[in-house]
N, C-alpha and C. Protein backbone atom coordinates (compact mmCIF):
# COMPACT_ATOMS: atom_id res chain seq x y z
N UNK A 1 -10.68 -53.88 2.73
CA UNK A 1 -9.91 -52.70 1.96
C UNK A 1 -9.83 -53.33 0.52
N UNK A 2 -9.59 -53.80 -0.19
CA UNK A 2 -10.08 -54.39 -1.53
C UNK A 2 -11.40 -54.12 -2.16
N UNK A 3 -12.54 -54.52 -1.34
CA UNK A 3 -13.48 -54.43 -1.85
C UNK A 3 -14.09 -52.93 -2.13
N UNK A 4 -13.28 -52.28 -0.88
CA UNK A 4 -13.74 -50.57 -1.48
C UNK A 4 -13.10 -50.00 -2.63
N UNK A 5 -11.97 -50.33 -2.64
CA UNK A 5 -10.92 -49.44 -3.53
C UNK A 5 -11.58 -50.16 -4.77
N UNK A 6 -12.34 -51.68 -5.14
CA UNK A 6 -12.81 -52.39 -6.36
C UNK A 6 -14.16 -51.46 -6.91
N UNK A 7 -14.78 -51.20 -5.62
CA UNK A 7 -16.04 -50.71 -5.92
C UNK A 7 -16.23 -48.85 -5.91
N UNK A 8 -14.64 -48.11 -5.62
CA UNK A 8 -14.57 -46.97 -6.28
C UNK A 8 -13.90 -46.90 -7.08
N UNK A 9 -13.03 -47.96 -8.04
CA UNK A 9 -12.83 -47.77 -9.15
C UNK A 9 -13.63 -48.18 -10.39
N UNK A 10 -14.66 -48.78 -10.20
CA UNK A 10 -15.91 -49.08 -10.78
C UNK A 10 -17.14 -47.86 -11.10
N UNK A 11 -17.23 -47.38 -9.68
CA UNK A 11 -17.75 -45.80 -9.78
C UNK A 11 -17.26 -44.70 -10.45
N UNK A 12 -15.75 -44.84 -10.63
CA UNK A 12 -15.34 -43.45 -10.99
C UNK A 12 -16.05 -43.20 -12.47
N UNK A 13 -16.01 -43.75 -13.53
CA UNK A 13 -16.23 -43.49 -14.51
C UNK A 13 -17.40 -42.53 -14.43
N UNK A 14 -18.63 -43.55 -13.67
CA UNK A 14 -19.80 -42.70 -13.77
C UNK A 14 -20.10 -41.10 -12.75
N UNK A 15 -19.31 -41.10 -12.10
CA UNK A 15 -18.92 -39.72 -11.48
C UNK A 15 -18.09 -38.58 -12.29
N UNK A 16 -17.41 -39.16 -13.10
CA UNK A 16 -16.62 -38.60 -14.38
C UNK A 16 -17.32 -38.02 -15.41
N UNK A 17 -18.43 -38.95 -15.92
CA UNK A 17 -19.16 -38.55 -16.70
C UNK A 17 -19.94 -37.11 -17.17
N UNK A 18 -20.38 -36.51 -16.39
CA UNK A 18 -21.69 -35.47 -16.72
C UNK A 18 -20.77 -34.75 -16.52
N UNK A 19 -19.36 -34.23 -16.53
CA UNK A 19 -18.43 -32.77 -16.24
C UNK A 19 -17.81 -33.43 -17.68
N UNK A 20 -17.67 -34.06 -18.27
CA UNK A 20 -16.97 -34.67 -19.87
C UNK A 20 -17.88 -34.62 -21.01
N UNK A 21 -19.32 -34.63 -20.55
CA UNK A 21 -20.73 -34.60 -21.69
C UNK A 21 -21.18 -33.45 -22.37
N UNK A 22 -20.80 -32.61 -21.55
CA UNK A 22 -21.10 -31.30 -22.41
C UNK A 22 -22.42 -30.46 -22.36
N UNK A 23 -23.40 -31.69 -21.81
CA UNK A 23 -24.39 -30.90 -21.86
C UNK A 23 -24.71 -29.91 -20.64
N UNK A 24 -23.52 -29.57 -19.97
CA UNK A 24 -24.02 -28.38 -18.68
C UNK A 24 -22.91 -26.87 -19.05
N UNK A 25 -22.95 -27.35 -20.65
CA UNK A 25 -21.76 -26.07 -20.88
C UNK A 25 -22.74 -24.56 -21.49
N UNK A 26 -24.32 -24.39 -21.59
CA UNK A 26 -24.97 -24.11 -21.17
C UNK A 26 -25.67 -23.68 -20.31
N UNK A 27 -26.36 -22.71 -19.69
CA UNK A 27 -27.03 -22.71 -18.26
C UNK A 27 -28.36 -22.75 -19.04
N UNK A 28 -29.43 -22.98 -18.40
CA UNK A 28 -30.96 -23.01 -19.26
C UNK A 28 -31.34 -21.57 -18.69
N UNK A 29 -30.97 -20.66 -17.61
CA UNK A 29 -31.25 -19.79 -16.93
C UNK A 29 -30.53 -19.42 -15.91
N UNK A 30 -30.04 -17.89 -16.45
CA UNK A 30 -29.47 -17.22 -15.39
C UNK A 30 -30.50 -15.72 -14.65
N UNK A 31 -30.41 -15.26 -13.64
CA UNK A 31 -31.33 -13.99 -13.64
C UNK A 31 -31.19 -13.44 -12.35
N UNK A 32 -31.70 -12.41 -12.46
CA UNK A 32 -31.41 -11.54 -10.92
C UNK A 32 -32.59 -10.45 -10.93
N UNK A 33 -32.88 -9.24 -10.01
CA UNK A 33 -33.72 -8.63 -9.99
C UNK A 33 -34.26 -7.60 -11.07
N UNK A 34 -32.93 -7.42 -11.58
CA UNK A 34 -33.39 -6.28 -12.53
C UNK A 34 -33.90 -7.51 -14.08
N UNK A 35 -33.88 -8.61 -14.33
CA UNK A 35 -33.82 -9.48 -15.44
C UNK A 35 -33.36 -10.67 -15.17
N UNK A 36 -32.80 -11.03 -16.92
CA UNK A 36 -32.13 -12.47 -16.85
C UNK A 36 -32.14 -13.18 -18.21
N UNK A 37 -31.79 -14.38 -18.69
CA UNK A 37 -31.58 -14.66 -19.93
C UNK A 37 -32.27 -15.94 -19.71
N UNK A 38 -32.48 -16.53 -21.12
CA UNK A 38 -33.19 -18.00 -20.75
C UNK A 38 -32.92 -18.99 -21.74
N UNK A 39 -31.69 -20.32 -21.52
CA UNK A 39 -31.55 -20.38 -22.96
C UNK A 39 -32.45 -20.89 -23.87
N UNK A 40 -32.66 -20.95 -25.19
CA UNK A 40 -33.29 -21.21 -26.39
C UNK A 40 -33.67 -22.85 -26.38
N UNK A 41 -34.70 -23.52 -26.69
CA UNK A 41 -34.82 -24.68 -27.24
C UNK A 41 -36.27 -24.80 -27.42
N UNK A 42 -36.90 -25.71 -28.33
CA UNK A 42 -37.93 -25.94 -28.81
C UNK A 42 -39.53 -25.98 -27.74
N UNK A 43 -38.43 -26.81 -26.44
CA UNK A 43 -39.34 -26.98 -25.39
C UNK A 43 -40.06 -25.79 -24.91
N UNK A 44 -39.10 -24.45 -24.63
CA UNK A 44 -39.75 -23.56 -23.82
C UNK A 44 -40.53 -22.36 -24.88
N UNK A 45 -40.84 -22.89 -26.57
CA UNK A 45 -40.94 -22.27 -26.93
C UNK A 45 -42.33 -21.11 -27.02
N UNK A 46 -43.48 -22.08 -26.43
CA UNK A 46 -44.68 -21.57 -25.37
C UNK A 46 -44.87 -21.17 -24.16
N UNK A 47 -43.75 -21.01 -23.79
CA UNK A 47 -43.61 -20.78 -21.83
C UNK A 47 -42.64 -19.69 -21.34
N UNK A 48 -41.39 -19.39 -22.40
CA UNK A 48 -40.57 -18.69 -21.95
C UNK A 48 -41.20 -17.26 -21.44
N UNK A 49 -42.27 -17.01 -21.80
CA UNK A 49 -42.70 -15.79 -20.91
C UNK A 49 -43.59 -16.01 -19.71
N UNK A 50 -43.89 -17.53 -19.33
CA UNK A 50 -44.20 -17.54 -18.25
C UNK A 50 -42.95 -17.82 -17.09
N UNK A 51 -42.19 -18.46 -17.80
CA UNK A 51 -40.89 -18.55 -16.87
C UNK A 51 -40.31 -17.32 -16.59
N UNK A 52 -40.35 -16.22 -17.57
CA UNK A 52 -39.94 -14.76 -16.94
C UNK A 52 -40.71 -14.02 -16.42
N UNK A 53 -42.04 -14.12 -16.05
CA UNK A 53 -43.11 -13.59 -15.40
C UNK A 53 -43.03 -14.29 -14.01
N UNK A 54 -42.90 -15.25 -14.11
CA UNK A 54 -42.56 -16.30 -12.59
C UNK A 54 -41.43 -15.79 -11.73
N UNK A 55 -40.18 -15.79 -12.76
CA UNK A 55 -39.44 -15.34 -11.80
C UNK A 55 -38.85 -13.96 -11.16
N UNK A 56 -39.72 -13.02 -12.42
CA UNK A 56 -39.82 -11.54 -11.40
C UNK A 56 -41.00 -11.22 -10.48
N UNK A 57 -42.07 -12.34 -10.70
CA UNK A 57 -42.82 -12.24 -9.82
C UNK A 57 -42.30 -12.28 -8.38
N UNK A 58 -41.13 -13.07 -7.96
CA UNK A 58 -40.29 -13.19 -7.17
C UNK A 58 -39.62 -11.98 -6.43
N UNK A 59 -39.81 -10.98 -6.94
CA UNK A 59 -39.64 -9.25 -6.65
C UNK A 59 -40.31 -8.62 -6.81
N UNK A 60 -42.17 -8.86 -7.13
CA UNK A 60 -43.22 -8.32 -6.92
C UNK A 60 -42.65 -7.23 -8.14
N UNK A 61 -42.53 -7.81 -9.44
CA UNK A 61 -42.26 -6.95 -10.46
C UNK A 61 -42.71 -7.70 -11.57
N UNK A 62 -43.16 -7.30 -12.52
CA UNK A 62 -43.48 -8.00 -13.88
C UNK A 62 -42.55 -7.72 -15.44
N UNK A 63 -42.69 -8.91 -15.87
CA UNK A 63 -41.56 -8.93 -16.90
C UNK A 63 -41.73 -8.31 -18.22
N UNK A 64 -40.57 -7.93 -19.03
CA UNK A 64 -41.06 -7.58 -20.23
C UNK A 64 -39.96 -8.34 -21.54
N UNK A 65 -39.98 -8.86 -21.93
CA UNK A 65 -39.11 -9.77 -22.84
C UNK A 65 -38.63 -8.43 -23.69
N UNK A 66 -37.29 -8.59 -24.00
CA UNK A 66 -36.46 -7.77 -25.09
C UNK A 66 -36.41 -8.23 -26.39
N UNK A 67 -35.90 -9.91 -26.28
CA UNK A 67 -35.28 -10.17 -27.63
C UNK A 67 -35.37 -11.61 -27.48
N UNK A 68 -35.39 -12.33 -28.53
CA UNK A 68 -35.67 -13.75 -28.60
C UNK A 68 -35.27 -14.36 -29.74
N UNK A 69 -33.82 -15.16 -29.90
CA UNK A 69 -33.51 -15.48 -30.97
C UNK A 69 -33.54 -16.87 -30.63
N UNK A 70 -34.63 -17.31 -32.11
CA UNK A 70 -35.06 -18.76 -32.15
C UNK A 70 -34.02 -19.46 -33.13
N UNK A 71 -32.60 -20.05 -31.97
CA UNK A 71 -31.82 -20.76 -32.44
C UNK A 71 -30.93 -21.28 -31.16
N UNK A 72 -30.13 -22.76 -31.95
CA UNK A 72 -29.75 -23.35 -30.26
C UNK A 72 -28.33 -22.32 -29.77
N UNK A 73 -28.16 -22.56 -28.65
CA UNK A 73 -26.97 -21.61 -28.16
C UNK A 73 -27.22 -20.24 -28.04
N UNK A 74 -28.45 -19.49 -28.18
CA UNK A 74 -28.88 -18.13 -28.39
C UNK A 74 -29.87 -18.05 -26.94
N UNK A 75 -30.30 -17.25 -26.87
CA UNK A 75 -31.08 -16.79 -25.36
C UNK A 75 -32.28 -16.05 -25.46
N UNK A 76 -33.33 -15.96 -24.95
CA UNK A 76 -34.52 -15.32 -24.79
C UNK A 76 -34.05 -14.50 -23.64
N UNK A 77 -33.99 -13.08 -23.87
CA UNK A 77 -33.69 -12.11 -22.77
C UNK A 77 -34.87 -11.15 -22.28
N UNK A 78 -35.32 -10.98 -20.90
CA UNK A 78 -35.88 -10.25 -20.76
C UNK A 78 -35.53 -9.06 -19.39
N UNK A 79 -36.72 -8.03 -19.25
CA UNK A 79 -36.13 -7.11 -18.23
C UNK A 79 -37.07 -7.04 -17.15
N UNK A 80 -37.02 -7.19 -15.78
CA UNK A 80 -38.13 -7.25 -14.96
C UNK A 80 -38.03 -5.60 -14.41
N UNK A 81 -39.20 -4.90 -14.55
CA UNK A 81 -39.63 -4.16 -13.84
C UNK A 81 -41.15 -3.52 -13.18
N UNK A 82 -41.14 -2.17 -12.67
CA UNK A 82 -42.21 -2.56 -11.57
C UNK A 82 -43.53 -1.87 -12.71
N UNK A 83 -44.50 -2.71 -11.86
CA UNK A 83 -45.77 -2.21 -13.09
C UNK A 83 -46.23 -1.01 -13.28
N UNK A 84 -46.84 -0.68 -13.90
CA UNK A 84 -47.32 0.67 -13.97
C UNK A 84 -48.27 1.22 -13.02
N UNK A 85 -48.41 2.06 -12.07
CA UNK A 85 -49.11 2.26 -10.64
C UNK A 85 -48.64 1.88 -9.44
N UNK A 86 -47.16 1.34 -9.56
CA UNK A 86 -46.56 0.98 -8.40
C UNK A 86 -46.53 2.10 -7.36
N UNK A 87 -46.81 1.42 -6.14
CA UNK A 87 -47.10 2.14 -5.16
C UNK A 87 -46.62 1.71 -3.79
N UNK A 88 -45.24 2.00 -3.54
CA UNK A 88 -44.48 0.96 -2.21
C UNK A 88 -45.28 0.63 -1.47
N UNK A 89 -45.79 2.10 -0.73
CA UNK A 89 -46.44 2.13 0.36
C UNK A 89 -47.82 1.38 0.14
N UNK A 90 -48.73 1.71 -0.66
CA UNK A 90 -50.11 0.41 -0.88
C UNK A 90 -49.50 -0.60 -0.81
N UNK A 91 -48.18 -1.00 -0.88
CA UNK A 91 -48.21 -2.60 -1.13
C UNK A 91 -47.47 -3.17 -0.02
N UNK A 92 -47.27 -2.27 0.69
CA UNK A 92 -46.62 -2.43 1.92
C UNK A 92 -47.75 -2.71 3.11
N UNK A 93 -48.53 -2.07 2.49
CA UNK A 93 -50.16 -1.92 3.74
C UNK A 93 -50.97 -3.06 3.31
N UNK A 94 -51.52 -3.21 2.23
CA UNK A 94 -52.23 -4.35 1.70
C UNK A 94 -51.42 -5.09 0.75
N UNK A 95 -50.15 -5.36 0.73
CA UNK A 95 -50.03 -6.65 -0.51
C UNK A 95 -49.84 -6.58 -1.51
N UNK A 96 -49.40 -6.98 -2.40
CA UNK A 96 -49.21 -6.76 -3.74
C UNK A 96 -50.92 -7.40 -4.72
N UNK A 97 -51.36 -6.39 -5.75
CA UNK A 97 -52.24 -6.56 -6.12
C UNK A 97 -52.91 -8.02 -6.88
N UNK A 98 -53.81 -8.60 -6.59
CA UNK A 98 -53.65 -9.69 -7.30
C UNK A 98 -54.59 -9.43 -8.55
N UNK A 99 -54.03 -10.12 -9.61
CA UNK A 99 -54.32 -10.14 -11.16
C UNK A 99 -54.55 -11.76 -11.57
N UNK A 100 -55.56 -11.24 -12.61
CA UNK A 100 -56.09 -12.45 -12.73
C UNK A 100 -55.32 -12.94 -14.70
N UNK A 101 -54.88 -14.18 -14.70
CA UNK A 101 -53.94 -14.21 -16.18
C UNK A 101 -55.08 -14.19 -17.79
N UNK A 102 -55.58 -13.33 -18.59
CA UNK A 102 -56.42 -13.40 -19.17
C UNK A 102 -55.34 -13.90 -20.47
């Protein structure tokens, strides 16, 4: 009984540390089928377009970047829209078109 209580008391600071650290205040990404936001950091400076495109591709949509604020605490916002020439009947029969990245 004492060993279990001692172990719980020793592990308590480690369980509470992430909540008090403050690094979970800003969600790194949030979105749905109409668009979303990506928290800005220098790590995503060259990949935020790919992140938005991958998110919108889950709904067979294309991504359009609407604003980029290159400061900590700000976001890159994007919207998802159907690509030009979208025909839902063709996509149901043949599937989405295969596109190459240039």
